[in-house]
Amino acid sequence: MKQTNCQVQGCRNFNRYCRLHLNYNIPVLPEIKKVSENYKEILKKYKPIRAAYLEAHPQCEALLNGCKVKASEVHHKCGKASEELYLDTSMFLAVCGHCHSIITKNSAWAIKNGFSVSRLAKSKQS
């Protein structure tokens, strides 16, 4: 008989051979979906829009220090809170990976310099 380590939490033989829990089966939990069905539908619409935008704007529009010049990502100035914001090309900014990381890590600075739009200010106007 094959000797396997005990996997029962709280057992004094945890991760060692255990005769008490020899036939214990570890329950298998169902896999959690990484992307919802609704988001999959939005992505189907977004991918061609993103590709067309990057084709129309091949250069980085931020041009911060250390810029890689060629745009490879799209920054969403108003975020991605709703489908309308996610697909609104007027709120897109074609950026390289370097500039995008600077913009997303420094949100207050990005808002001040026009790379992002404050969603808080927008909701106050409504």
Protein backbone atom coordinates (compact mmCIF):
# COMPACT_ATOMS: atom_id res chain seq x y z
CA MET A 1 0.00 0.00 0.00
CA LYS A 2 1.27 3.45 -0.97
CA GLN A 3 2.00 5.68 2.00
CA THR A 4 0.76 9.26 1.41
CA ASN A 5 0.97 12.32 3.61
CA CYS A 6 -2.12 13.29 5.62
CA GLN A 7 -3.84 16.38 4.22
CA VAL A 8 -6.43 16.85 6.99
CA GLN A 9 -6.01 20.28 8.59
CA GLY A 10 -5.61 20.01 12.36
CA CYS A 11 -4.37 16.40 12.29
CA ARG A 12 -1.24 15.91 14.39
CA ASN A 13 0.25 14.01 11.43
CA PHE A 14 -0.44 16.78 8.92
CA ASN A 15 2.00 16.43 5.99
CA ARG A 16 3.23 13.09 7.39
CA TYR A 17 1.98 9.54 6.99
CA CYS A 18 -1.25 9.03 8.94
CA ARG A 19 -3.24 5.77 9.40
CA LEU A 20 -6.24 7.59 10.85
CA HIS A 21 -7.09 9.50 7.67
CA LEU A 22 -5.80 6.93 5.18
CA ASN A 23 -8.92 6.96 2.98
CA TYR A 24 -9.80 10.63 3.43
CA ASN A 25 -10.58 12.38 0.15
CA ILE A 26 -9.85 16.07 -0.09
CA PRO A 27 -12.97 17.87 -1.35
CA VAL A 28 -12.47 19.48 -4.77
CA LEU A 29 -13.90 22.97 -5.00
CA PRO A 30 -15.38 24.16 -8.29
CA GLU A 31 -13.11 26.39 -10.33
CA ILE A 32 -13.88 30.10 -10.08
CA LYS A 33 -14.44 31.80 -13.43
CA LYS A 34 -11.76 34.42 -14.00
CA VAL A 35 -13.88 36.52 -16.38
CA SER A 36 -17.65 36.96 -16.16
CA GLU A 37 -19.89 36.35 -19.17
CA ASN A 38 -20.88 40.04 -19.22
CA TYR A 39 -17.22 41.14 -19.29
CA LYS A 40 -16.49 38.66 -22.11
CA GLU A 41 -19.16 40.40 -24.21
CA ILE A 42 -17.66 43.81 -23.47
CA LEU A 43 -14.18 42.52 -24.41
CA LYS A 44 -15.51 41.30 -27.78
CA LYS A 45 -16.53 44.90 -28.54
CA TYR A 46 -13.41 46.46 -26.98
CA LYS A 47 -10.66 44.48 -28.72
CA PRO A 48 -11.32 45.73 -32.29
CA ILE A 49 -11.85 49.31 -31.04
CA ARG A 50 -8.54 49.15 -29.13
CA ALA A 51 -6.68 47.71 -32.15
CA ALA A 52 -8.04 50.42 -34.45
CA TYR A 53 -7.15 53.14 -31.94
CA LEU A 54 -3.57 51.89 -31.57
CA GLU A 55 -3.24 51.64 -35.36
CA ALA A 56 -4.44 55.25 -35.72
CA HIS A 57 -2.16 56.43 -32.87
CA PRO A 58 1.11 54.43 -33.16
CA GLN A 59 3.18 56.91 -31.12
CA CYS A 60 3.01 57.31 -27.32
CA GLU A 61 0.86 60.34 -26.53
CA ALA A 62 2.28 60.86 -23.03
CA LEU A 63 6.03 61.09 -23.85
CA LEU A 64 7.23 61.09 -20.24
CA ASN A 65 10.89 60.67 -19.21
CA GLY A 66 12.16 57.27 -20.35
CA CYS A 67 9.38 56.92 -22.94
CA LYS A 68 9.62 53.97 -25.34
CA VAL A 69 7.92 56.09 -28.08
CA LYS A 70 5.85 53.27 -29.66
CA ALA A 71 2.38 52.97 -28.14
CA SER A 72 1.47 49.44 -27.08
CA GLU A 73 -1.29 50.07 -24.53
CA VAL A 74 -4.44 52.15 -24.15
CA HIS A 75 -4.91 54.23 -21.00
CA HIS A 76 -8.55 54.91 -20.09
CA LYS A 77 -8.62 58.48 -18.79
CA CYS A 78 -11.95 57.99 -16.95
CA GLY A 79 -11.30 54.40 -15.91
CA LYS A 80 -13.33 51.34 -16.88
CA ALA A 81 -16.23 51.60 -14.44
CA SER A 82 -18.96 51.21 -17.06
CA GLU A 83 -19.25 49.84 -20.58
CA GLU A 84 -19.71 53.38 -21.94
CA LEU A 85 -16.44 54.57 -20.36
CA TYR A 86 -14.64 51.38 -21.39
CA LEU A 87 -15.55 51.83 -25.07
CA ASP A 88 -15.40 55.67 -25.30
CA THR A 89 -12.46 56.44 -27.62
CA SER A 90 -12.52 60.13 -26.67
CA MET A 91 -11.22 59.00 -23.26
CA PHE A 92 -8.43 56.80 -24.71
CA LEU A 93 -4.75 57.69 -24.58
CA ALA A 94 -2.25 55.63 -26.60
CA VAL A 95 0.81 55.06 -24.39
CA CYS A 96 3.87 52.86 -24.06
CA GLY A 97 4.13 50.50 -21.09
CA HIS A 98 6.58 52.77 -19.25
CA CYS A 99 4.37 55.86 -19.43
CA HIS A 100 1.26 53.84 -18.59
CA SER A 101 2.81 52.56 -15.36
CA ILE A 102 3.78 56.10 -14.33
CA ILE A 103 0.27 57.43 -15.07
CA THR A 104 -1.52 54.64 -13.17
CA LYS A 105 0.80 54.77 -10.14
CA ASN A 106 0.49 58.56 -9.77
CA SER A 107 -3.22 59.25 -10.22
CA ALA A 108 -3.28 62.72 -8.59
CA TRP A 109 -0.34 63.83 -10.75
CA ALA A 110 -1.98 62.31 -13.86
CA ILE A 111 -5.23 64.20 -13.22
CA LYS A 112 -3.31 67.45 -12.66
CA ASN A 113 -1.40 67.01 -15.95
CA GLY A 114 -4.40 65.95 -18.06
CA PHE A 115 -3.53 62.25 -18.48
CA SER A 116 -6.57 61.20 -16.43
CA VAL A 117 -9.96 62.66 -15.56
CA SER A 118 -11.28 62.63 -12.01
CA ARG A 119 -14.45 60.56 -11.77
CA LEU A 120 -15.24 62.33 -8.51
CA ALA A 121 -15.42 65.75 -10.16
CA LYS A 122 -17.64 64.31 -12.89
CA SER A 123 -20.17 62.93 -10.37
CA LYS A 124 -20.31 66.28 -8.50
CA GLN A 125 -21.33 68.07 -11.73
CA SER A 126 -24.24 65.69 -12.33
